[in-house]
Amino acid sequence: MSERYSTFKAPRGGIMTTEVGAITGELELHTAADENGLLALHIRYAGADEWYTIEGSPYQLHDARDADVLHTILIEMLHRPQP
């Protein structure tokens, strides 16, 4: 299993979760892919205990090795300047 964590500031409008809708502020992204390439995306307020599922998660990857690259891309996209 491949797991990664990163802290970031939510873009304008926040990140949509299945449990509580959009969350904003200082957040932590957790990505985890199993050996079959099923990638789960979770988010929480930085330092909080409760994790939320990012809307649309989990995703099926073509290759489980892509999980680390996808995590990096997601964080880069979330750090883009907002229009």
C-alpha atoms as a PDB file:
ATOM      1  CA  MET A   1       0.000   0.000   0.000  1.00  0.00           C
ATOM      2  CA  SER A   2       1.213   3.502  -0.854  1.00  0.00           C
ATOM      3  CA  GLU A   3       0.248   6.359   1.495  1.00  0.00           C
ATOM      4  CA  ARG A   4       1.125  10.067   1.447  1.00  0.00           C
ATOM      5  CA  TYR A   5       0.133  13.121   3.478  1.00  0.00           C
ATOM      6  CA  SER A   6       0.449  16.834   2.653  1.00  0.00           C
ATOM      7  CA  THR A   7      -0.796  20.015   4.310  1.00  0.00           C
ATOM      8  CA  PHE A   8      -2.090  22.893   2.180  1.00  0.00           C
ATOM      9  CA  LYS A   9      -4.462  25.855   2.210  1.00  0.00           C
ATOM     10  CA  ALA A  10      -7.781  25.117   0.496  1.00  0.00           C
ATOM     11  CA  PRO A  11      -8.468  26.933  -2.774  1.00  0.00           C
ATOM     12  CA  ARG A  12     -11.365  29.380  -2.996  1.00  0.00           C
ATOM     13  CA  GLY A  13     -14.597  27.416  -2.604  1.00  0.00           C
ATOM     14  CA  GLY A  14     -12.905  24.689  -0.554  1.00  0.00           C
ATOM     15  CA  ILE A  15     -12.732  20.958  -1.161  1.00  0.00           C
ATOM     16  CA  MET A  16     -15.990  19.042  -1.580  1.00  0.00           C
ATOM     17  CA  THR A  17     -16.473  16.047   0.702  1.00  0.00           C
ATOM     18  CA  THR A  18     -19.201  13.426   0.730  1.00  0.00           C
ATOM     19  CA  GLU A  19     -19.835  13.747   4.469  1.00  0.00           C
ATOM     20  CA  VAL A  20     -20.025  17.497   5.179  1.00  0.00           C
ATOM     21  CA  GLY A  21     -19.867  19.333   1.840  1.00  0.00           C
ATOM     22  CA  ALA A  22     -17.085  21.850   1.195  1.00  0.00           C
ATOM     23  CA  ILE A  23     -14.367  22.438   3.780  1.00  0.00           C
ATOM     24  CA  THR A  24     -11.937  25.331   3.730  1.00  0.00           C
ATOM     25  CA  GLY A  25      -8.868  26.602   5.547  1.00  0.00           C
ATOM     26  CA  GLU A  26      -5.644  24.798   6.386  1.00  0.00           C
ATOM     27  CA  LEU A  27      -6.184  21.171   5.321  1.00  0.00           C
ATOM     28  CA  GLU A  28      -4.324  17.884   5.133  1.00  0.00           C
ATOM     29  CA  LEU A  29      -4.607  15.552   2.130  1.00  0.00           C
ATOM     30  CA  HIS A  30      -4.166  11.800   2.593  1.00  0.00           C
ATOM     31  CA  THR A  31      -3.903   9.530  -0.431  1.00  0.00           C
ATOM     32  CA  ALA A  32      -3.710   5.748  -0.126  1.00  0.00           C
ATOM     33  CA  ALA A  33      -3.543   3.200  -2.936  1.00  0.00           C
ATOM     34  CA  ASP A  34      -3.803  -0.535  -2.454  1.00  0.00           C
ATOM     35  CA  GLU A  35      -1.920  -3.141  -4.507  1.00  0.00           C
ATOM     36  CA  ASN A  36      -4.809  -3.251  -7.029  1.00  0.00           C
ATOM     37  CA  GLY A  37      -4.546   0.474  -7.733  1.00  0.00           C
ATOM     38  CA  LEU A  38      -7.668   1.575  -5.847  1.00  0.00           C
ATOM     39  CA  LEU A  39      -6.834   5.119  -4.701  1.00  0.00           C
ATOM     40  CA  ALA A  40      -8.668   6.628  -1.725  1.00  0.00           C
ATOM     41  CA  LEU A  41      -8.559  10.407  -1.157  1.00  0.00           C
ATOM     42  CA  HIS A  42      -9.283  11.817   2.302  1.00  0.00           C
ATOM     43  CA  ILE A  43      -9.007  15.268   3.777  1.00  0.00           C
ATOM     44  CA  ARG A  44      -9.192  16.817   7.224  1.00  0.00           C
ATOM     45  CA  TYR A  45      -8.641  20.139   8.911  1.00  0.00           C
ATOM     46  CA  ALA A  46      -4.915  20.305   9.712  1.00  0.00           C
ATOM     47  CA  GLY A  47      -4.360  18.808  13.160  1.00  0.00           C
ATOM     48  CA  ALA A  48      -7.913  17.445  13.487  1.00  0.00           C
ATOM     49  CA  ASP A  49      -8.806  13.817  14.166  1.00  0.00           C
ATOM     50  CA  GLU A  50     -11.704  13.315  11.753  1.00  0.00           C
ATOM     51  CA  TRP A  51     -11.055  12.504   8.083  1.00  0.00           C
ATOM     52  CA  TYR A  52     -13.561  13.156   5.268  1.00  0.00           C
ATOM     53  CA  THR A  53     -13.819  11.461   1.892  1.00  0.00           C
ATOM     54  CA  ILE A  54     -13.159  13.715  -1.088  1.00  0.00           C
ATOM     55  CA  GLU A  55     -16.169  13.618  -3.397  1.00  0.00           C
ATOM     56  CA  GLY A  56     -15.689  10.988  -6.115  1.00  0.00           C
ATOM     57  CA  SER A  57     -13.191   8.899  -4.156  1.00  0.00           C
ATOM     58  CA  PRO A  58     -12.060   6.134  -4.519  1.00  0.00           C
ATOM     59  CA  TYR A  59     -10.532   6.069  -8.004  1.00  0.00           C
ATOM     60  CA  GLN A  60      -9.189   3.121  -9.925  1.00  0.00           C
ATOM     61  CA  LEU A  61      -5.644   3.730 -11.175  1.00  0.00           C
ATOM     62  CA  HIS A  62      -4.308   1.987 -14.261  1.00  0.00           C
ATOM     63  CA  ASP A  63      -1.118   1.248 -12.314  1.00  0.00           C
ATOM     64  CA  ALA A  64      -0.821   1.383  -8.497  1.00  0.00           C
ATOM     65  CA  ARG A  65       2.655   2.922  -8.893  1.00  0.00           C
ATOM     66  CA  ASP A  66       0.976   6.107 -10.145  1.00  0.00           C
ATOM     67  CA  ALA A  67      -0.386   6.922  -6.663  1.00  0.00           C
ATOM     68  CA  ASP A  68       2.672   8.918  -5.541  1.00  0.00           C
ATOM     69  CA  VAL A  69       2.749  10.933  -8.753  1.00  0.00           C
ATOM     70  CA  LEU A  70      -0.980  11.634  -8.520  1.00  0.00           C
ATOM     71  CA  HIS A  71      -0.621  12.856  -4.929  1.00  0.00           C
ATOM     72  CA  THR A  72       2.054  15.326  -6.037  1.00  0.00           C
ATOM     73  CA  ILE A  73      -0.073  16.529  -8.954  1.00  0.00           C
ATOM     74  CA  LEU A  74      -3.115  17.022  -6.711  1.00  0.00           C
ATOM     75  CA  ILE A  75      -1.137  19.147  -4.242  1.00  0.00           C
ATOM     76  CA  GLU A  76       0.341  21.219  -7.090  1.00  0.00           C
ATOM     77  CA  MET A  77      -3.135  21.807  -8.515  1.00  0.00           C
ATOM     78  CA  LEU A  78      -4.482  22.825  -5.112  1.00  0.00           C
ATOM     79  CA  HIS A  79      -1.628  25.359  -4.727  1.00  0.00           C
ATOM     80  CA  ARG A  80      -2.321  27.047  -8.087  1.00  0.00           C
ATOM     81  CA  PRO A  81      -3.143  30.741  -7.872  1.00  0.00           C
ATOM     82  CA  GLN A  82      -6.892  31.285  -8.074  1.00  0.00           C
ATOM     83  CA  PRO A  83      -8.341  33.415 -10.881  1.00  0.00           C
END
